């Protein structure tokens, strides 16, 4: 991977509060990269530091091989798309998109050509003369994106760009952003707190917690091989069973040995995804991990059902049933079973 963005040992403090704590990251050329984490984890501060709107107390920001740590935002080969879109209501779509190029005093033929090109890529060719108030939320989002892309930045920074959209439109725009990024050949770096959004769009994801990097990897790596309990619980849904790690798995009070590959000793947690858990009426004889309990709740989601089972040791385990399967009765006995290879054993 050829890095186009390099952040080296970035430290950002606000008084006694450390918002970014010695973070180092490489983002590849033409990569779709996501900064993911809960509110207050430092992801937006890191993005604003990269953009030049925040000055770090320590570290380096390098873009395209150039140290830009002390450069003003306008001097960096980056463009930031804000959450609010910040469109000019009195200007047409074409004028909104052209505004940045006009400020650079480019020749009008070049401006017209670049605006037409980016409007076509954003599927806005027929909306050039409309004003923002004549557009849907998704169309306004694409205008803001086109305005950022028309300047042909080396890197486009997006701060929660889809947060104001409803769920269906947000899902459509996730695919639209991914298409545009691939077509334009520009590195996208997006901030989001939405795990599904990051999993759908990003080539790689950096998960942040309390200003520190918790893990960096592809969506598949983070989902299947989380490095910590925090990452396991933040990326998708996860069952956790606490106990003591051994070479064979985790010894859990009241449940016995639950098997899984382990290099740990001492307090640990066994994690298993709900979709890996089979809900049975009897203990299987095939060597899988099996724990028994009572059905406590059934949640219907359309494509699947989440079944919550209160285990004999008091813990709750969730299993997923596919649409069309019969829902178990509340209070019915149930066995949760899963293969040892689907266990993830993590430090407590």
Protein backbone atom coordinates (compact mmCIF):
# COMPACT_ATOMS: atom_id res chain seq x y z
CA UNK A 1 0.00 0.00 0.00
CA UNK A 2 1.27 3.46 -0.93
CA UNK A 3 0.21 5.86 1.84
CA UNK A 4 -1.17 9.24 0.75
CA UNK A 5 -1.93 10.30 4.34
CA UNK A 6 0.43 9.64 7.23
CA UNK A 7 -0.37 10.72 10.77
CA UNK A 8 2.56 10.24 13.10
CA UNK A 9 2.15 10.25 16.91
CA UNK A 10 -0.63 12.85 16.88
CA UNK A 11 -1.42 14.37 20.29
CA UNK A 12 -4.24 16.87 20.80
CA UNK A 13 -5.21 18.25 24.19
CA UNK A 14 -7.89 20.65 25.35
CA UNK A 15 -6.65 21.84 28.71
CA UNK A 16 -6.30 18.76 30.91
CA UNK A 17 -8.31 16.57 28.50
CA UNK A 18 -6.37 14.50 25.95
CA UNK A 19 -8.61 14.13 22.88
CA UNK A 20 -6.02 12.35 20.70
CA UNK A 21 -3.42 10.24 22.48
CA UNK A 22 -0.36 9.42 20.36
CA UNK A 23 -2.24 8.16 17.29
CA UNK A 24 -0.37 7.00 14.17
CA UNK A 25 -2.20 6.01 10.97
CA UNK A 26 -1.46 5.41 7.29
CA UNK A 27 -4.20 5.83 4.68
CA UNK A 28 -3.53 4.42 1.22
CA UNK A 29 -3.83 6.11 -2.15
CA UNK A 30 -7.37 5.64 -3.57
CA UNK A 31 -8.49 3.96 -0.33
CA UNK A 32 -11.89 4.33 1.33
CA UNK A 33 -10.90 4.64 4.99
CA UNK A 34 -13.23 5.06 7.99
CA UNK A 35 -12.63 6.48 11.45
CA UNK A 36 -15.17 4.71 13.66
CA UNK A 37 -16.03 5.02 17.31
CA UNK A 38 -18.55 6.22 19.88
CA UNK A 39 -19.24 9.89 20.60
CA UNK A 40 -16.29 11.55 22.29
CA UNK A 41 -13.69 9.02 21.14
CA UNK A 42 -11.67 11.65 19.19
CA UNK A 43 -12.51 10.72 15.60
CA UNK A 44 -13.77 14.18 14.53
CA UNK A 45 -10.88 15.88 16.32
CA UNK A 46 -8.46 13.65 14.39
CA UNK A 47 -10.20 14.53 11.12
CA UNK A 48 -10.08 18.27 11.90
CA UNK A 49 -6.40 17.94 12.80
CA UNK A 50 -5.76 16.33 9.44
CA UNK A 51 -7.75 19.09 7.70
CA UNK A 52 -5.81 21.82 9.53
CA UNK A 53 -8.66 23.22 11.63
CA UNK A 54 -6.98 21.94 14.83
CA UNK A 55 -3.28 22.29 15.65
CA UNK A 56 -1.79 19.26 17.40
CA UNK A 57 0.47 19.60 20.44
CA UNK A 58 2.59 16.80 19.08
CA UNK A 59 3.12 14.70 15.96
CA UNK A 60 3.19 15.13 12.21
CA UNK A 61 0.61 15.22 9.42
CA UNK A 62 2.00 14.19 6.02
CA UNK A 63 -0.08 14.27 2.82
CA UNK A 64 1.38 13.07 -0.48
CA UNK A 65 4.85 13.02 1.06
CA UNK A 66 4.61 16.68 2.18
CA UNK A 67 4.64 17.70 5.85
CA UNK A 68 1.51 19.86 6.17
CA UNK A 69 1.36 19.97 9.99
CA UNK A 70 1.75 23.76 10.10
CA UNK A 71 -0.03 24.62 6.85
CA UNK A 72 -3.36 26.43 6.83
CA UNK A 73 -6.38 24.36 5.64
CA UNK A 74 -6.53 26.13 2.28
CA UNK A 75 -2.92 25.17 1.56
CA UNK A 76 -3.46 21.43 2.10
CA UNK A 77 -4.34 19.07 -0.81
CA UNK A 78 -7.50 18.09 1.06
CA UNK A 79 -11.16 19.02 1.01
CA UNK A 80 -13.59 18.66 3.91
CA UNK A 81 -17.29 18.01 3.40
CA UNK A 82 -19.24 19.24 6.43
CA UNK A 83 -22.24 17.54 8.05
CA UNK A 84 -24.51 20.51 7.29
CA UNK A 85 -23.64 20.54 3.53
CA UNK A 86 -23.49 24.40 3.82
CA UNK A 87 -25.04 25.02 0.38
CA UNK A 88 -25.80 28.58 -0.72
CA UNK A 89 -29.63 28.72 -0.88
CA UNK A 90 -29.75 31.56 -3.46
CA UNK A 91 -27.42 29.82 -5.93
CA UNK A 92 -28.23 27.11 -8.45
CA UNK A 93 -26.73 23.65 -8.14
CA UNK A 94 -24.18 24.47 -10.84
CA UNK A 95 -23.15 27.74 -9.14
CA UNK A 96 -22.82 25.98 -5.77
CA UNK A 97 -20.52 23.41 -7.32
CA UNK A 98 -18.54 26.02 -9.26
CA UNK A 99 -18.05 28.40 -6.33
CA UNK A 100 -14.70 27.05 -5.15
CA UNK A 101 -13.28 27.09 -8.68
CA UNK A 102 -14.50 30.65 -9.19
CA UNK A 103 -12.69 31.71 -6.02
CA UNK A 104 -9.52 30.27 -7.56
CA UNK A 105 -10.21 32.42 -10.65
CA UNK A 106 -9.95 29.52 -13.09
CA UNK A 107 -10.95 30.18 -16.72
CA UNK A 108 -14.71 29.89 -17.27
CA UNK A 109 -14.47 27.13 -19.92
CA UNK A 110 -12.47 24.99 -17.48
CA UNK A 111 -14.95 25.66 -14.68
CA UNK A 112 -17.92 24.76 -16.89
CA UNK A 113 -16.22 21.56 -18.07
CA UNK A 114 -15.28 20.40 -14.56
CA UNK A 115 -18.71 21.24 -13.13
CA UNK A 116 -20.48 19.33 -15.91
CA UNK A 117 -18.19 16.34 -15.41
CA UNK A 118 -18.73 16.10 -11.65
CA UNK A 119 -22.51 16.71 -11.90
CA UNK A 120 -22.75 13.83 -14.33
CA UNK A 121 -20.72 11.57 -12.03
CA UNK A 122 -22.99 12.50 -9.12
CA UNK A 123 -26.10 11.83 -11.26
CA UNK A 124 -27.13 15.49 -11.05
CA UNK A 125 -26.84 16.43 -14.71
CA UNK A 126 -30.52 17.34 -14.97
CA UNK A 127 -30.52 19.46 -11.80
CA UNK A 128 -27.87 22.05 -12.66
CA UNK A 129 -30.33 24.99 -12.67
CA UNK A 130 -32.31 24.08 -9.56
CA UNK A 131 -31.80 25.69 -6.16
CA UNK A 132 -31.08 23.62 -3.03
CA UNK A 133 -34.63 24.08 -1.68
CA UNK A 134 -35.95 22.34 -4.80
CA UNK A 135 -33.96 19.18 -4.07
CA UNK A 136 -34.45 16.14 -1.83
CA UNK A 137 -32.11 15.43 1.08
CA UNK A 138 -30.17 12.89 -0.93
CA UNK A 139 -29.80 15.27 -3.87
CA UNK A 140 -28.51 18.07 -1.60
CA UNK A 141 -26.02 15.60 -0.16
CA UNK A 142 -24.78 14.79 -3.66
CA UNK A 143 -24.46 18.52 -4.49
CA UNK A 144 -22.25 19.01 -1.43
CA UNK A 145 -20.22 15.99 -2.48
CA UNK A 146 -19.89 17.29 -6.05
CA UNK A 147 -18.72 20.69 -4.74
CA UNK A 148 -16.00 18.95 -2.75
CA UNK A 149 -14.96 16.66 -5.61
CA UNK A 150 -14.84 19.34 -8.31
CA UNK A 151 -11.66 20.77 -6.77
CA UNK A 152 -9.98 17.40 -7.35
CA UNK A 153 -8.44 17.07 -3.90
CA UNK A 154 -5.87 14.40 -3.21
CA UNK A 155 -8.00 13.37 -0.21
CA UNK A 156 -11.68 14.02 0.56
CA UNK A 157 -12.60 14.19 4.25
CA UNK A 158 -16.21 13.48 5.21
CA UNK A 159 -17.53 14.18 8.72
CA UNK A 160 -20.69 12.10 9.37
CA UNK A 161 -21.97 12.98 5.86
CA UNK A 162 -25.08 10.77 6.02
CA UNK A 163 -26.24 11.42 9.58
CA UNK A 164 -29.13 13.73 8.57
CA UNK A 165 -30.67 11.23 6.13
CA UNK A 166 -33.37 8.67 6.88
CA UNK A 167 -32.39 4.99 7.01
CA UNK A 168 -33.40 3.99 3.47
CA UNK A 169 -31.76 7.04 1.87
CA UNK A 170 -28.68 6.55 4.04
CA UNK A 171 -28.31 2.98 2.76
CA UNK A 172 -28.66 4.16 -0.85
CA UNK A 173 -26.09 6.92 -0.33
CA UNK A 174 -23.59 4.50 1.21
CA UNK A 175 -23.46 2.65 -2.10
CA UNK A 176 -23.42 5.96 -4.01
CA UNK A 177 -20.41 7.20 -2.05
CA UNK A 178 -18.58 3.94 -2.65
CA UNK A 179 -19.33 4.16 -6.41
CA UNK A 180 -18.15 7.77 -6.64
CA UNK A 181 -14.97 7.06 -4.72
CA UNK A 182 -14.08 4.20 -7.09
CA UNK A 183 -14.93 6.24 -10.21
CA UNK A 184 -13.12 9.43 -9.17
CA UNK A 185 -10.00 7.64 -7.91
CA UNK A 186 -9.75 9.89 -4.82
CA UNK A 187 -8.91 8.80 -1.29
CA UNK A 188 -11.97 9.11 0.96
CA UNK A 189 -11.59 9.38 4.72
CA UNK A 190 -14.93 9.28 6.52
CA UNK A 191 -15.85 9.80 10.18
CA UNK A 192 -18.83 7.80 11.42
CA UNK A 193 -20.26 6.31 14.61
CA UNK A 194 -22.38 3.88 12.56
CA UNK A 195 -20.75 0.43 12.43
CA UNK A 196 -22.90 -0.76 9.51
CA UNK A 197 -21.98 2.33 7.51
CA UNK A 198 -18.27 1.69 8.02
CA UNK A 199 -18.56 -2.02 7.24
CA UNK A 200 -20.46 -1.35 3.99
CA UNK A 201 -18.26 1.41 2.60
CA UNK A 202 -14.72 1.19 3.93
CA UNK A 203 -11.74 -0.77 2.65
CA UNK A 204 -10.21 -0.39 6.10
CA UNK A 205 -11.47 0.91 9.43
CA UNK A 206 -9.72 2.47 12.42
CA UNK A 207 -11.68 1.99 15.65
CA UNK A 208 -10.98 4.65 18.27
CA UNK A 209 -11.68 4.60 22.00
CA UNK A 210 -10.87 7.43 24.41
CA UNK A 211 -8.53 9.09 21.92
CA UNK A 212 -6.52 5.94 21.24
CA UNK A 213 -6.48 3.43 18.40
CA UNK A 214 -8.24 0.24 19.49
CA UNK A 215 -7.71 -1.66 16.20
CA UNK A 216 -7.16 -1.05 12.47
CA UNK A 217 -8.16 -3.56 9.82
CA UNK A 218 -10.51 -4.54 7.02
CA UNK A 219 -14.22 -4.91 7.86
CA UNK A 220 -13.80 -8.70 7.79
CA UNK A 221 -10.78 -8.63 10.11
CA UNK A 222 -12.52 -6.43 12.67
CA UNK A 223 -15.73 -8.46 12.58
CA UNK A 224 -14.19 -11.94 12.66
CA UNK A 225 -11.03 -11.25 14.67
CA UNK A 226 -11.59 -8.39 17.12
CA UNK A 227 -8.55 -7.61 19.24
CA UNK A 228 -10.44 -6.56 22.37
CA UNK A 229 -13.78 -6.79 24.12
CA UNK A 230 -14.47 -3.17 23.16
CA UNK A 231 -13.99 -3.79 19.43
CA UNK A 232 -15.93 -7.07 19.59
CA UNK A 233 -18.89 -5.32 21.20
CA UNK A 234 -18.76 -2.17 19.07
CA UNK A 235 -18.56 -3.90 15.67
CA UNK A 236 -21.86 -5.74 15.22
CA UNK A 237 -23.56 -7.73 17.99
CA UNK A 238 -21.73 -10.12 20.25
CA UNK A 239 -22.43 -12.49 23.13
CA UNK A 240 -19.96 -12.36 26.02
CA UNK A 241 -19.42 -15.06 28.64
CA UNK A 242 -16.96 -14.29 31.44
CA UNK A 243 -14.66 -16.83 33.05
CA UNK A 244 -11.05 -17.97 33.34
CA UNK A 245 -8.96 -18.72 30.26
CA UNK A 246 -7.17 -22.04 29.87
CA UNK A 247 -5.32 -23.64 26.97
CA UNK A 248 -8.60 -25.29 25.87
CA UNK A 249 -10.95 -22.33 26.18
CA UNK A 250 -12.72 -20.53 29.03
CA UNK A 251 -13.84 -22.15 32.27
CA UNK A 252 -17.16 -20.51 33.21
CA UNK A 253 -18.74 -20.88 36.67
CA UNK A 254 -22.01 -22.76 36.35
CA UNK A 255 -21.43 -23.66 32.67
CA UNK A 256 -18.13 -25.56 32.65
CA UNK A 257 -15.47 -25.42 29.94
CA UNK A 258 -16.44 -23.57 26.74
CA UNK A 259 -13.90 -24.46 24.09
CA UNK A 260 -12.00 -22.14 21.77
CA UNK A 261 -8.44 -21.33 20.70
CA UNK A 262 -6.71 -19.47 23.52
CA UNK A 263 -3.25 -18.13 24.32
CA UNK A 264 -4.49 -16.37 27.47
CA UNK A 265 -4.50 -17.30 31.14
CA UNK A 266 -6.45 -15.70 33.93
CA UNK A 267 -9.68 -13.63 33.68
CA UNK A 268 -11.04 -13.61 30.14
CA UNK A 269 -14.23 -13.37 28.12
CA UNK A 270 -15.47 -15.76 25.46
CA UNK A 271 -17.19 -13.91 22.60
CA UNK A 272 -19.45 -15.50 19.98
CA UNK A 273 -21.63 -13.83 17.34
CA UNK A 274 -25.41 -14.45 17.61
CA UNK A 275 -25.53 -15.71 14.01
CA UNK A 276 -23.01 -18.44 14.94
CA UNK A 277 -25.26 -19.73 17.73
CA UNK A 278 -27.77 -22.49 16.94
CA UNK A 279 -30.90 -22.72 19.06
CA UNK A 280 -31.71 -26.36 19.85
CA UNK A 281 -34.15 -28.30 21.98
CA UNK A 282 -31.53 -30.76 23.22
CA UNK A 283 -27.78 -30.93 23.78
CA UNK A 284 -26.03 -31.88 20.50
CA UNK A 285 -23.73 -34.89 20.41
CA UNK A 286 -21.27 -33.47 17.92
CA UNK A 287 -18.79 -31.84 20.31
CA UNK A 288 -19.97 -28.27 19.92
CA UNK A 289 -20.08 -25.91 22.87
CA UNK A 290 -23.54 -26.17 24.42
CA UNK A 291 -25.17 -24.17 27.21
CA UNK A 292 -28.73 -24.50 28.46
CA UNK A 293 -31.28 -22.02 29.68
CA UNK A 294 -34.78 -20.62 29.25
CA UNK A 295 -36.16 -18.45 26.43
CA UNK A 296 -36.67 -14.99 27.90
CA UNK A 297 -37.46 -12.80 24.89
CA UNK A 298 -38.06 -13.02 21.12
CA UNK A 299 -37.47 -9.96 18.94
CA UNK A 300 -38.82 -10.05 15.37
CA UNK A 301 -36.69 -8.10 12.85
CA UNK A 302 -38.26 -9.17 9.56
CA UNK A 303 -35.32 -11.02 8.03
CA UNK A 304 -34.54 -12.79 11.29
CA UNK A 305 -35.57 -13.20 14.92
CA UNK A 306 -33.35 -12.54 17.90
CA UNK A 307 -33.96 -15.07 20.68
CA UNK A 308 -32.65 -14.17 24.15
CA UNK A 309 -31.90 -17.15 26.37
CA UNK A 310 -31.30 -16.79 30.12
CA UNK A 311 -28.59 -19.33 30.88
CA UNK A 312 -28.41 -21.43 34.03
CA UNK A 313 -25.61 -19.23 35.43
CA UNK A 314 -27.69 -16.07 34.99
CA UNK A 315 -26.00 -14.74 31.83
CA UNK A 316 -28.02 -13.98 28.67
CA UNK A 317 -27.13 -15.37 25.24
CA UNK A 318 -28.66 -14.24 21.97
CA UNK A 319 -29.21 -16.51 18.96
CA UNK A 320 -30.59 -15.59 15.53
CA UNK A 321 -33.30 -17.56 13.76
CA UNK A 322 -33.89 -17.10 10.05
CA UNK A 323 -37.21 -15.74 8.81
CA UNK A 324 -39.74 -18.55 8.47
CA UNK A 325 -38.48 -20.58 11.42
CA UNK A 326 -40.92 -21.11 14.26
CA UNK A 327 -40.37 -18.82 17.22
CA UNK A 328 -39.85 -20.63 20.53
CA UNK A 329 -42.29 -19.96 23.35
CA UNK A 330 -41.30 -17.61 26.14
CA UNK A 331 -40.26 -19.73 29.12
CA UNK A 332 -39.40 -22.78 26.99
CA UNK A 333 -36.13 -24.63 27.71
CA UNK A 334 -33.44 -24.06 25.07
CA UNK A 335 -29.87 -25.04 24.27
CA UNK A 336 -27.44 -22.63 22.61
CA UNK A 337 -24.73 -24.42 20.63
CA UNK A 338 -21.77 -23.23 18.55
CA UNK A 339 -18.53 -24.62 17.14
CA UNK A 340 -15.32 -23.96 19.06
CA UNK A 341 -13.82 -22.30 15.97
CA UNK A 342 -16.37 -19.48 16.33
CA UNK A 343 -15.28 -18.66 19.88
CA UNK A 344 -13.14 -15.56 20.31
CA UNK A 345 -11.29 -15.49 23.63
CA UNK A 346 -10.33 -11.99 24.70
CA UNK A 347 -8.79 -10.32 27.75
CA UNK A 348 -11.37 -9.26 30.33
